[in-house]
Every structure is written in structure tokens, then in C-alpha cells.
Amino acid sequence: MNKLAFGTALAVLSLALPGVAQAQRTPGAMIVVIDTDRVFRECTACKAAQTQLQGMITSARTRAQQLGQPLQTEAQSIEQAGAALRNQTGAARAAAETALNSRVQQFQTRQTTAQQEVARLEQNIQSTQANVMRQINERLNPIFTTVMNAHQANIALDVGATLARSNSLDVTNEVLTALNAALPSVSVTPLPQQPGTQPQPPGRSAPIPPAPPPRRPPAPRWISGG
């Protein structure tokens, strides 16, 4: 078969099997790489929010210590008073037991109140972090698409998902520039309450010994120095 006949045969085959021709026109993978950790670490709004969130965490830890220290002192005092009961008898022992039981009840009430306050602080920090991330992601996701289109890419990968790459594929600087322009700041406040919903009370904590260590609200993963 000569070259002309062979070319004619391919043309006829392409017309008969459109799927084959379409498969031949499918573009290959065009990839860009983005260091999202760097984006969240260096974007203008991210850094400002990080500073404010870190301040909230520090304040919550300080408050937890303020609440916990008196409880620890009182727990030790109650324990000592309980030990002293062993040396008492009769009416004096009964009166001491009554007074001690009252102290224990008051201590438990204060402990529960302190736990609930710390739980509210933790929930407020977690909700605030979630709201910050929501605002950033709302602007960031369209930027990913815009940068991909600018590079005629059909795949965007996080740098952490790659084993090896060419520096020419990295578009992190473009993403950062676009995000800073689109979102110079964010609202560092808890998530907006949905209409018709009521704030949920803090969940009940597990039983805690009489002298609990101060609870420390955890730092969000992307906040350094947590």
C-alpha cells in the first residue's frame, strides 16, 4: 500500500470510529505545583489572623491557670481536712464531717463552672479558626483555577504530594500575590450562627480528680509556636 492509500485508510478509519480520533486529541497532563503550607504561613491575612489567634490561645491558657490554681489549693486543703477527721471522735467529728461535706460540694460546683468556662474558650478558638479558614478558602479556591488557566494547566498539586519536580512548575508566588490582592484581611471571629439555631452548650467533661491540672486550649495546626 502506498503512502497516499495508507493516509486515505486512516482518514476513513477516523470517520468510522470517532472515539479513536477523539482519544488522539486528548491533551496530556499539564501540571502546576503549589506550596499551600507556605501560602497559609505567608499570606497577609493569614499572618494577621495567626497573631490574633495566638493571642486568644495565650489568654485562654492564662485564664485556665487562674481558674485551676485556686482549685488545686482547695483540693489539697480538703484532703488535709479529711485526714484530720481520723483524729476526731463524737460530736466534734460529726460537725467536722458536715463542714467538710459542704466544702466538697462547693468545690465541685466551682470545678464544674471552671471546666465549662474553659470549654467555652476552647470552642470559641476552634470556631474562630474554622471561620478564618473558611474565608481564606473561599478566595483561594478560585485563585487556584485562575492560575491553572493562566498556565494552561489541567492539574494542580500540593508540593507535599510530589516526589520530585521542576522549579518551573511552582506557582506559589503567583497564588500568594493573587490572594493578598483578593483578601487583605479576614474577620477573626467565631463562625456566624446559622438562622434558627441556638448556641450549643459545652459538652460534659469526663470526671476530673480533685486537683486537676489547668487545661490548655490546643493551637491550630497551622499556627506556629502553639
Protein backbone atom coordinates (compact mmCIF):
# COMPACT_ATOMS: atom_id res chain seq x y z
CA MET A 1 0.00 0.00 0.00
CA ASN A 2 1.48 3.36 -0.99
CA LYS A 3 1.58 6.42 1.31
CA LEU A 4 -1.49 8.01 -0.30
CA ALA A 5 -3.58 4.90 0.12
CA PHE A 6 -2.43 4.47 3.72
CA GLY A 7 -3.38 8.06 4.58
CA THR A 8 -6.79 7.59 2.97
CA ALA A 9 -7.34 4.44 5.01
CA LEU A 10 -6.56 6.32 8.27
CA ALA A 11 -8.98 9.10 7.36
CA VAL A 12 -11.75 6.58 6.69
CA LEU A 13 -10.98 4.83 9.99
CA SER A 14 -11.18 8.12 11.87
CA LEU A 15 -14.59 8.87 10.37
CA ALA A 16 -15.84 5.40 11.18
CA LEU A 17 -14.53 5.43 14.75
CA PRO A 18 -14.91 8.96 16.18
CA GLY A 19 -13.82 7.75 19.60
CA VAL A 20 -10.38 6.84 18.26
CA ALA A 21 -9.85 10.30 16.78
CA GLN A 22 -11.08 11.96 19.96
CA ALA A 23 -8.70 9.89 22.05
CA GLN A 24 -5.84 11.02 19.85
CA ARG A 25 -6.74 14.67 20.54
CA THR A 26 -6.94 14.33 24.35
CA PRO A 27 -4.35 16.70 25.83
CA GLY A 28 -1.67 15.40 28.13
CA ALA A 29 -1.40 16.34 31.78
CA MET A 30 -0.26 19.92 32.34
CA ILE A 31 0.71 20.35 35.99
CA VAL A 32 1.38 23.25 38.34
CA VAL A 33 2.64 22.86 41.90
CA ILE A 34 1.60 24.99 44.90
CA ASP A 35 3.14 25.10 48.37
CA THR A 36 -0.09 25.54 50.33
CA ASP A 37 1.68 25.46 53.70
CA ARG A 38 3.68 28.47 52.59
CA VAL A 39 0.53 30.20 51.35
CA PHE A 40 -1.17 29.84 54.73
CA ARG A 41 2.02 30.82 56.53
CA GLU A 42 2.90 33.91 54.50
CA CYS A 43 -0.28 35.46 53.12
CA THR A 44 -1.03 38.86 54.62
CA ALA A 45 -4.42 37.91 56.05
CA CYS A 46 -3.05 34.60 57.34
CA LYS A 47 -0.24 36.22 59.30
CA ALA A 48 -2.56 38.79 60.87
CA ALA A 49 -5.08 36.10 61.82
CA GLN A 50 -2.30 33.90 63.19
CA THR A 51 -1.16 36.66 65.52
CA GLN A 52 -4.67 37.26 66.82
CA LEU A 53 -5.41 33.56 67.26
CA GLN A 54 -2.16 33.05 69.13
CA GLY A 55 -3.17 35.90 71.44
CA MET A 56 -6.52 34.22 72.06
CA ILE A 57 -4.78 30.94 72.89
CA THR A 58 -2.38 32.63 75.30
CA SER A 59 -5.25 34.44 77.00
CA ALA A 60 -7.24 31.21 77.33
CA ARG A 61 -4.28 29.39 78.85
CA THR A 62 -3.77 32.19 81.34
CA ARG A 63 -7.44 32.05 82.31
CA ALA A 64 -7.30 28.26 82.70
CA GLN A 65 -4.36 28.66 85.08
CA GLN A 66 -6.22 31.36 87.03
CA LEU A 67 -9.15 29.00 87.45
CA GLY A 68 -7.10 25.89 88.12
CA GLN A 69 -4.68 27.14 90.76
CA PRO A 70 -7.28 28.00 93.44
CA LEU A 71 -8.97 24.67 92.80
CA GLN A 72 -5.71 22.82 93.34
CA THR A 73 -5.12 24.71 96.57
CA GLU A 74 -8.63 23.99 97.82
CA ALA A 75 -8.37 20.31 96.88
CA GLN A 76 -5.21 19.95 98.93
CA SER A 77 -6.85 21.70 101.87
CA ILE A 78 -9.88 19.40 101.68
CA GLU A 79 -7.61 16.37 101.59
CA GLN A 80 -5.79 17.57 104.70
CA ALA A 81 -9.11 18.23 106.48
CA GLY A 82 -10.27 14.73 105.60
CA ALA A 83 -7.10 13.25 107.06
CA ALA A 84 -7.60 15.27 110.26
CA LEU A 85 -11.04 13.66 110.75
CA ARG A 86 -9.34 10.41 111.73
CA ASN A 87 -8.15 12.02 114.95
CA GLN A 88 -11.60 13.25 115.97
CA THR A 89 -14.50 11.46 117.63
CA GLY A 90 -18.05 12.04 118.73
CA ALA A 91 -19.84 15.32 118.17
CA ALA A 92 -16.67 17.10 117.05
CA ARG A 93 -16.13 14.56 114.28
CA ALA A 94 -19.76 14.80 113.12
CA ALA A 95 -19.58 18.59 112.95
CA ALA A 96 -16.28 18.44 111.08
CA GLU A 97 -17.69 15.95 108.59
CA THR A 98 -20.70 18.18 107.93
CA ALA A 99 -18.47 21.19 107.31
CA LEU A 100 -16.16 19.15 105.09
CA ASN A 101 -19.05 17.80 103.00
CA SER A 102 -20.22 21.38 102.43
CA ARG A 103 -16.74 22.38 101.28
CA VAL A 104 -16.61 19.41 98.92
CA GLN A 105 -19.94 20.36 97.35
CA GLN A 106 -18.83 23.96 96.90
CA PHE A 107 -15.55 22.76 95.40
CA GLN A 108 -17.36 20.53 92.90
CA THR A 109 -19.60 23.41 91.86
CA ARG A 110 -16.61 25.70 91.31
CA GLN A 111 -14.79 22.95 89.44
CA THR A 112 -17.73 22.36 87.10
CA THR A 113 -18.10 26.09 86.45
CA ALA A 114 -14.39 26.38 85.67
CA GLN A 115 -14.49 23.42 83.30
CA GLN A 116 -17.44 24.91 81.44
CA GLU A 117 -15.70 28.27 81.08
CA VAL A 118 -12.53 26.67 79.71
CA ALA A 119 -14.64 24.55 77.34
CA ARG A 120 -16.32 27.71 76.02
CA LEU A 121 -12.93 29.31 75.46
CA GLU A 122 -11.74 26.25 73.55
CA GLN A 123 -14.88 26.16 71.42
CA ASN A 124 -14.55 29.87 70.66
CA ILE A 125 -10.96 29.41 69.47
CA GLN A 126 -11.84 26.39 67.34
CA SER A 127 -14.82 28.17 65.80
CA THR A 128 -12.72 31.27 65.11
CA GLN A 129 -10.02 29.20 63.42
CA ALA A 130 -12.66 27.45 61.29
CA ASN A 131 -14.11 30.83 60.27
CA VAL A 132 -10.68 32.15 59.29
CA MET A 133 -10.00 29.05 57.18
CA ARG A 134 -13.44 29.34 55.56
CA GLN A 135 -12.79 32.93 54.47
CA ILE A 136 -9.35 32.10 53.10
CA ASN A 137 -10.51 29.01 51.21
CA GLU A 138 -13.44 30.88 49.65
CA ARG A 139 -10.96 33.23 47.95
CA LEU A 140 -8.16 30.71 47.47
CA ASN A 141 -10.01 28.03 45.52
CA PRO A 142 -10.96 30.32 42.60
CA ILE A 143 -7.37 31.60 42.54
CA PHE A 144 -6.12 28.05 42.03
CA THR A 145 -8.34 27.79 38.95
CA THR A 146 -7.26 31.19 37.61
CA VAL A 147 -3.57 30.38 37.98
CA MET A 148 -4.08 26.97 36.36
CA ASN A 149 -5.81 28.59 33.41
CA ALA A 150 -3.02 31.15 33.06
CA HIS A 151 -0.54 28.30 32.69
CA GLN A 152 -2.90 26.18 30.58
CA ALA A 153 -2.69 23.51 33.29
CA ASN A 154 -5.31 20.88 34.00
CA ILE A 155 -3.86 19.60 37.29
CA ALA A 156 -2.71 21.45 40.42
CA LEU A 157 -0.76 19.54 43.05
CA ASP A 158 0.33 20.47 46.53
CA VAL A 159 4.09 20.41 46.84
CA GLY A 160 3.75 17.80 49.57
CA ALA A 161 2.16 15.39 47.11
CA THR A 162 5.18 15.35 44.81
CA LEU A 163 8.34 13.24 44.99
CA ALA A 164 10.36 15.36 42.58
CA ARG A 165 9.53 18.38 40.48
CA SER A 166 10.94 21.15 38.35
CA ASN A 167 11.02 24.61 39.88
CA SER A 168 9.35 25.90 36.73
CA LEU A 169 6.13 24.16 37.81
CA ASP A 170 5.93 26.05 41.12
CA VAL A 171 3.32 28.83 41.00
CA THR A 172 3.18 29.54 44.74
CA ASN A 173 4.33 33.15 44.32
CA GLU A 174 1.50 33.83 41.86
CA VAL A 175 -1.05 32.32 44.23
CA LEU A 176 0.27 34.39 47.15
CA THR A 177 0.19 37.61 45.14
CA ALA A 178 -3.36 36.97 43.96
CA LEU A 179 -4.57 36.01 47.46
CA ASN A 180 -3.06 39.10 49.07
CA ALA A 181 -4.81 41.27 46.50
CA ALA A 182 -8.15 39.50 46.85
CA LEU A 183 -8.11 39.09 50.65
CA PRO A 184 -6.01 41.65 52.52
CA SER A 185 -7.66 40.77 55.84
CA VAL A 186 -10.15 38.38 57.43
CA SER A 187 -12.60 38.58 60.30
CA VAL A 188 -11.05 36.82 63.31
CA THR A 189 -14.37 35.93 64.92
CA PRO A 190 -16.31 32.70 65.53
CA LEU A 191 -18.33 31.17 62.72
CA PRO A 192 -21.59 33.04 62.09
CA GLN A 193 -24.55 31.45 63.83
CA GLN A 194 -26.99 29.96 61.35
CA PRO A 195 -30.51 31.47 61.47
CA GLY A 196 -32.86 29.50 63.67
CA THR A 197 -30.12 27.67 65.53
CA GLN A 198 -29.21 28.02 69.16
CA PRO A 199 -25.66 28.05 70.54
CA GLN A 200 -24.73 24.61 71.79
CA PRO A 201 -23.71 24.38 75.46
CA PRO A 202 -20.32 22.88 76.21
CA GLY A 203 -20.39 19.11 76.45
CA ARG A 204 -19.98 17.47 79.80
CA SER A 205 -16.39 16.78 80.67
CA ALA A 206 -15.11 13.46 81.90
CA PRO A 207 -14.71 13.19 85.70
CA ILE A 208 -11.63 15.04 86.89
CA PRO A 209 -9.66 14.34 90.09
CA PRO A 210 -9.96 16.89 92.92
CA ALA A 211 -6.78 18.67 91.81
CA PRO A 212 -6.97 18.93 88.01
CA PRO A 213 -4.13 20.48 86.04
CA PRO A 214 -5.14 23.56 84.06
CA ARG A 215 -6.48 22.60 80.64
CA ARG A 216 -4.71 24.20 77.71
CA PRO A 217 -6.64 25.00 74.53
CA PRO A 218 -4.82 23.34 71.61
CA ALA A 219 -3.18 25.56 68.99
CA PRO A 220 -4.50 25.19 65.43
CA ARG A 221 -2.23 23.04 63.30
CA TRP A 222 -1.14 25.87 61.03
CA ILE A 223 -0.25 28.24 63.86
CA SER A 224 3.41 28.16 64.77
CA GLY A 225 4.56 28.13 68.35
CA GLY A 226 1.32 26.55 69.56
